[in-house]
Amino acid sequence: MLNKKSDLPRGSKKLIRAWTFYDWANSVYSLVISSAIFPIYYSTHVFSDTNSILIFNIDINKDTLISLYQVCVF
């Protein structure tokens, strides 16, 4: 087991590969949650009683609003 900082020198291919896979997995997780899980939750629980929302006198479909929100956040 690696306990010392000097066991893997800076710029080591093993260390770079480990951080690359960590970053890739972390990005995929947040993408799946925000694009697959949240829209289903919001459509069924948060906006379940209405099919659209009135904003500035414009009638917007709830699914469109959720998609626009996700685009702005990410």
C-alpha atoms as a PDB file:
ATOM      1  CA  MET A   1       0.000   0.000   0.000  1.00  0.00           C
ATOM      2  CA  LEU A   2       1.243   3.479  -0.804  1.00  0.00           C
ATOM      3  CA  ASN A   3       1.664   5.487   2.367  1.00  0.00           C
ATOM      4  CA  LYS A   4       4.312   8.004   1.437  1.00  0.00           C
ATOM      5  CA  LYS A   5       3.978  10.901  -0.923  1.00  0.00           C
ATOM      6  CA  SER A   6       7.313  10.001  -2.507  1.00  0.00           C
ATOM      7  CA  ASP A   7       6.113   6.533  -3.578  1.00  0.00           C
ATOM      8  CA  LEU A   8       4.529   8.057  -6.708  1.00  0.00           C
ATOM      9  CA  PRO A   9       6.597  10.884  -8.147  1.00  0.00           C
ATOM     10  CA  ARG A  10       4.858  13.887  -9.643  1.00  0.00           C
ATOM     11  CA  GLY A  11       3.988  13.293 -13.288  1.00  0.00           C
ATOM     12  CA  SER A  12       3.905   9.524 -12.867  1.00  0.00           C
ATOM     13  CA  LYS A  13       1.830   7.814 -15.578  1.00  0.00           C
ATOM     14  CA  LYS A  14       0.111   5.700 -12.940  1.00  0.00           C
ATOM     15  CA  LEU A  15      -0.883   8.778 -10.939  1.00  0.00           C
ATOM     16  CA  ILE A  16      -2.089  10.684 -14.002  1.00  0.00           C
ATOM     17  CA  ARG A  17      -4.120   7.681 -15.177  1.00  0.00           C
ATOM     18  CA  ALA A  18      -5.690   7.322 -11.722  1.00  0.00           C
ATOM     19  CA  TRP A  19      -6.764  10.980 -11.631  1.00  0.00           C
ATOM     20  CA  THR A  20      -8.032  10.761 -15.211  1.00  0.00           C
ATOM     21  CA  PHE A  21     -10.288   7.806 -14.411  1.00  0.00           C
ATOM     22  CA  TYR A  22     -11.444   9.457 -11.190  1.00  0.00           C
ATOM     23  CA  ASP A  23     -12.378  12.645 -13.037  1.00  0.00           C
ATOM     24  CA  TRP A  24     -14.110  10.726 -15.829  1.00  0.00           C
ATOM     25  CA  ALA A  25     -16.163   8.653 -13.379  1.00  0.00           C
ATOM     26  CA  ASN A  26     -17.089  11.712 -11.333  1.00  0.00           C
ATOM     27  CA  SER A  27     -18.242  13.589 -14.445  1.00  0.00           C
ATOM     28  CA  VAL A  28     -20.313  10.666 -15.706  1.00  0.00           C
ATOM     29  CA  TYR A  29     -22.021  10.287 -12.339  1.00  0.00           C
ATOM     30  CA  SER A  30     -23.140  13.917 -12.206  1.00  0.00           C
ATOM     31  CA  LEU A  31     -24.234  13.789 -15.854  1.00  0.00           C
ATOM     32  CA  VAL A  32     -26.412  10.716 -15.303  1.00  0.00           C
ATOM     33  CA  ILE A  33     -28.000  12.121 -12.168  1.00  0.00           C
ATOM     34  CA  SER A  34     -28.750  15.503 -13.740  1.00  0.00           C
ATOM     35  CA  SER A  35     -29.963  14.211 -17.103  1.00  0.00           C
ATOM     36  CA  ALA A  36     -31.796  11.007 -16.158  1.00  0.00           C
ATOM     37  CA  ILE A  37     -32.799  11.028 -12.496  1.00  0.00           C
ATOM     38  CA  PHE A  38     -33.703  14.672 -11.784  1.00  0.00           C
ATOM     39  CA  PRO A  39     -36.093  15.156 -14.749  1.00  0.00           C
ATOM     40  CA  ILE A  40     -38.058  12.063 -13.774  1.00  0.00           C
ATOM     41  CA  TYR A  41     -38.250  13.190 -10.158  1.00  0.00           C
ATOM     42  CA  TYR A  42     -39.265  16.747 -11.008  1.00  0.00           C
ATOM     43  CA  SER A  43     -41.831  15.631 -13.586  1.00  0.00           C
ATOM     44  CA  THR A  44     -43.538  13.196 -11.253  1.00  0.00           C
ATOM     45  CA  HIS A  45     -43.252  14.868  -7.845  1.00  0.00           C
ATOM     46  CA  VAL A  46     -42.556  18.576  -8.049  1.00  0.00           C
ATOM     47  CA  PHE A  47     -44.688  19.562 -11.048  1.00  0.00           C
ATOM     48  CA  SER A  48     -47.168  16.681 -10.917  1.00  0.00           C
ATOM     49  CA  ASP A  49     -50.381  18.726 -10.673  1.00  0.00           C
ATOM     50  CA  THR A  50     -49.767  20.977 -13.675  1.00  0.00           C
ATOM     51  CA  ASN A  51     -48.652  20.282 -17.211  1.00  0.00           C
ATOM     52  CA  SER A  52     -47.204  23.738 -17.796  1.00  0.00           C
ATOM     53  CA  ILE A  53     -46.029  26.794 -15.895  1.00  0.00           C
ATOM     54  CA  LEU A  54     -46.893  30.412 -16.635  1.00  0.00           C
ATOM     55  CA  ILE A  55     -43.819  32.674 -16.595  1.00  0.00           C
ATOM     56  CA  PHE A  56     -44.088  36.298 -17.732  1.00  0.00           C
ATOM     57  CA  ASN A  57     -47.385  35.466 -19.417  1.00  0.00           C
ATOM     58  CA  ILE A  58     -45.714  32.698 -21.449  1.00  0.00           C
ATOM     59  CA  ASP A  59     -46.987  29.151 -21.008  1.00  0.00           C
ATOM     60  CA  ILE A  60     -43.945  26.836 -20.753  1.00  0.00           C
ATOM     61  CA  ASN A  61     -44.112  23.042 -20.673  1.00  0.00           C
ATOM     62  CA  LYS A  62     -42.644  21.640 -17.442  1.00  0.00           C
ATOM     63  CA  ASP A  63     -40.243  19.289 -19.251  1.00  0.00           C
ATOM     64  CA  THR A  64     -38.896  22.170 -21.312  1.00  0.00           C
ATOM     65  CA  LEU A  65     -38.376  24.239 -18.185  1.00  0.00           C
ATOM     66  CA  ILE A  66     -36.429  21.443 -16.502  1.00  0.00           C
ATOM     67  CA  SER A  67     -34.228  21.028 -19.587  1.00  0.00           C
ATOM     68  CA  LEU A  68     -33.547  24.767 -19.769  1.00  0.00           C
ATOM     69  CA  TYR A  69     -32.636  24.816 -16.093  1.00  0.00           C
ATOM     70  CA  GLN A  70     -30.121  21.999 -16.573  1.00  0.00           C
ATOM     71  CA  VAL A  71     -28.558  23.718 -19.570  1.00  0.00           C
ATOM     72  CA  CYS A  72     -28.072  26.899 -17.550  1.00  0.00           C
ATOM     73  CA  VAL A  73     -26.571  25.042 -14.588  1.00  0.00           C
ATOM     74  CA  PHE A  74     -24.136  22.947 -16.605  1.00  0.00           C
END
